[in-house]
C-alpha atoms as a PDB file:
ATOM      1  CA  MET A   1       4.835  15.918   2.009  1.00  0.00           C
ATOM      2  CA  ASN A   2       6.907  15.857  -1.145  1.00  0.00           C
ATOM      3  CA  THR A   3       5.236  13.698  -3.804  1.00  0.00           C
ATOM      4  CA  THR A   4       7.690  14.391  -6.624  1.00  0.00           C
ATOM      5  CA  ALA A   5      10.023  11.703  -7.909  1.00  0.00           C
ATOM      6  CA  ASP A   6      13.589  11.456  -6.698  1.00  0.00           C
ATOM      7  CA  PRO A   7      15.517  14.018  -8.812  1.00  0.00           C
ATOM      8  CA  PHE A   8      18.558  11.731  -8.888  1.00  0.00           C
ATOM      9  CA  LEU A   9      16.592   9.012 -10.715  1.00  0.00           C
ATOM     10  CA  ALA A  10      14.392  11.378 -12.751  1.00  0.00           C
ATOM     11  CA  PHE A  11      16.802  11.329 -15.706  1.00  0.00           C
ATOM     12  CA  LEU A  12      16.256   7.571 -16.204  1.00  0.00           C
ATOM     13  CA  GLY A  13      12.683   7.807 -17.471  1.00  0.00           C
ATOM     14  CA  PRO A  14      10.753   4.720 -18.564  1.00  0.00           C
ATOM     15  CA  ILE A  15      12.654   1.511 -19.321  1.00  0.00           C
ATOM     16  CA  GLY A  16      12.609   0.699 -23.031  1.00  0.00           C
ATOM     17  CA  GLY A  17      14.043  -1.945 -25.324  1.00  0.00           C
ATOM     18  CA  PRO A  18      17.701  -0.838 -25.301  1.00  0.00           C
ATOM     19  CA  GLU A  19      17.724  -0.624 -21.514  1.00  0.00           C
ATOM     20  CA  LEU A  20      16.293  -4.134 -21.197  1.00  0.00           C
ATOM     21  CA  ILE A  21      18.973  -5.478 -23.525  1.00  0.00           C
ATOM     22  CA  VAL A  22      21.706  -3.859 -21.413  1.00  0.00           C
ATOM     23  CA  ILE A  23      20.166  -5.277 -18.226  1.00  0.00           C
ATOM     24  CA  PHE A  24      20.003  -8.756 -19.799  1.00  0.00           C
ATOM     25  CA  LEU A  25      23.633  -8.537 -20.895  1.00  0.00           C
ATOM     26  CA  VAL A  26      24.752  -7.497 -17.403  1.00  0.00           C
ATOM     27  CA  ILE A  27      22.847 -10.449 -15.903  1.00  0.00           C
ATOM     28  CA  LEU A  28      24.416 -12.755 -18.498  1.00  0.00           C
ATOM     29  CA  LEU A  29      27.893 -11.511 -17.599  1.00  0.00           C
ATOM     30  CA  LEU A  30      27.300 -11.765 -13.853  1.00  0.00           C
ATOM     31  CA  PHE A  31      25.694 -15.199 -13.717  1.00  0.00           C
ATOM     32  CA  GLY A  32      26.770 -16.926 -16.923  1.00  0.00           C
ATOM     33  CA  ALA A  33      24.670 -18.799 -19.459  1.00  0.00           C
ATOM     34  CA  LYS A  34      24.373 -21.942 -17.304  1.00  0.00           C
ATOM     35  CA  LYS A  35      22.866 -20.161 -14.290  1.00  0.00           C
ATOM     36  CA  ILE A  36      20.210 -18.134 -16.153  1.00  0.00           C
ATOM     37  CA  PRO A  37      17.780 -21.071 -16.655  1.00  0.00           C
ATOM     38  CA  GLU A  38      18.113 -21.924 -12.957  1.00  0.00           C
ATOM     39  CA  LEU A  39      17.423 -18.312 -12.030  1.00  0.00           C
ATOM     40  CA  ALA A  40      14.413 -18.193 -14.360  1.00  0.00           C
ATOM     41  CA  ARG A  41      13.086 -21.433 -12.868  1.00  0.00           C
ATOM     42  CA  GLY A  42      13.473 -20.019  -9.369  1.00  0.00           C
ATOM     43  CA  VAL A  43      11.707 -16.805 -10.339  1.00  0.00           C
ATOM     44  CA  GLY A  44       8.890 -18.824 -11.936  1.00  0.00           C
ATOM     45  CA  LYS A  45       8.447 -20.961  -8.824  1.00  0.00           C
ATOM     46  CA  GLY A  46       8.461 -17.855  -6.659  1.00  0.00           C
ATOM     47  CA  MET A  47       5.813 -16.203  -8.817  1.00  0.00           C
ATOM     48  CA  GLY A  48       3.696 -19.365  -8.683  1.00  0.00           C
ATOM     49  CA  GLU A  49       3.920 -19.517  -4.899  1.00  0.00           C
ATOM     50  CA  PHE A  50       3.092 -15.816  -4.658  1.00  0.00           C
ATOM     51  CA  LYS A  51       0.035 -16.282  -6.890  1.00  0.00           C
ATOM     52  CA  LYS A  52      -1.140 -19.261  -4.803  1.00  0.00           C
ATOM     53  CA  ALA A  53      -0.673 -17.301  -1.567  1.00  0.00           C
ATOM     54  CA  LYS A  54      -2.594 -14.381  -3.058  1.00  0.00           C
ATOM     55  CA  GLU A  55      -5.483 -16.651  -4.087  1.00  0.00           C
ATOM     56  CA  ASP A  56      -5.531 -18.290  -0.642  1.00  0.00           C
ATOM     57  CA  PHE A  57      -5.574 -14.868   1.006  1.00  0.00           C
ATOM     58  CA  GLU A  58      -8.430 -13.687  -1.230  1.00  0.00           C
ATOM     59  CA  ALA A  59     -10.421 -16.856  -0.458  1.00  0.00           C
ATOM     60  CA  GLU A  60      -9.862 -16.313   3.274  1.00  0.00           C
ATOM     61  CA  ILE A  61     -11.053 -12.706   2.995  1.00  0.00           C
ATOM     62  CA  LYS A  62     -14.187 -13.755   1.087  1.00  0.00           C
ATOM     63  CA  ALA A  63     -14.936 -16.474   3.646  1.00  0.00           C
ATOM     64  CA  GLY A  64     -14.524 -13.930   6.441  1.00  0.00           C
ATOM     65  CA  GLU A  65     -16.857 -11.523   4.656  1.00  0.00           C
ATOM     66  CA  GLU A  66     -19.508 -14.233   4.347  1.00  0.00           C
ATOM     67  CA  VAL A  67     -19.219 -15.166   8.027  1.00  0.00           C
ATOM     68  CA  GLY A  68     -19.378 -11.495   9.006  1.00  0.00           C
ATOM     69  CA  LYS A  69     -22.440 -10.939   6.821  1.00  0.00           C
ATOM     70  CA  LYS A  70     -24.221 -13.934   8.372  1.00  0.00           C
ATOM     71  CA  GLU A  71     -23.395 -12.691  11.878  1.00  0.00           C
ATOM     72  CA  TRP A  72     -24.546  -9.187  10.947  1.00  0.00           C
ATOM     73  CA  ASP A  73     -27.817 -10.503   9.522  1.00  0.00           C
ATOM     74  CA  LYS A  74     -28.367 -12.642  12.636  1.00  0.00           C
ATOM     75  CA  LYS A  75     -27.643  -9.695  14.935  1.00  0.00           C
ATOM     76  CA  THR A  76     -29.994  -7.458  12.939  1.00  0.00           C
ATOM     77  CA  THR A  77     -32.758 -10.083  13.095  1.00  0.00           C
ATOM     78  CA  ASP A  78     -32.238 -10.544  16.851  1.00  0.00           C
ATOM     79  CA  ASP A  79     -32.354  -6.761  17.392  1.00  0.00           C
ATOM     80  CA  GLU A  80     -35.591  -6.479  15.397  1.00  0.00           C
ATOM     81  CA  GLU A  81     -37.211  -9.200  17.495  1.00  0.00           C
ATOM     82  CA  GLU A  82     -36.192  -7.419  20.704  1.00  0.00           C
ATOM     83  CA  THR A  83     -37.647  -4.080  19.557  1.00  0.00           C
ATOM     84  CA  ARG A  84     -41.000  -5.498  18.436  1.00  0.00           C
ATOM     85  CA  PRO A  85     -43.785  -4.984  20.930  1.00  0.00           C
ATOM     86  CA  ALA A  86     -44.838  -8.197  22.629  1.00  0.00           C
ATOM     87  CA  ALA A  87     -48.192  -9.590  21.586  1.00  0.00           C
ATOM     88  CA  LYS A  88     -50.899  -8.975  24.177  1.00  0.00           C
ATOM     89  CA  GLN A  89     -52.320 -12.065  25.714  1.00  0.00           C
ATOM     90  CA  ASP A  90     -55.762 -11.898  27.294  1.00  0.00           C
END
């Protein structure tokens, strides 16, 4: 398996200040000054929805872990009771 970076894109390196300015100018030319706030609003809403979905997913995972732990503890307790020798009755 080749784990090296794509040699075609290797010359780009990390994105710095000048590159960000060029990217912003290209976006400004493509969409115009009136559309940029709408785009930013849309990106913000999308990020908010993504964060909410992530938090909901994490809460669901934690709830599942708690249920699984309770079931595991119950199963372990049931197994211990089955393996204990029965008390002798005279």
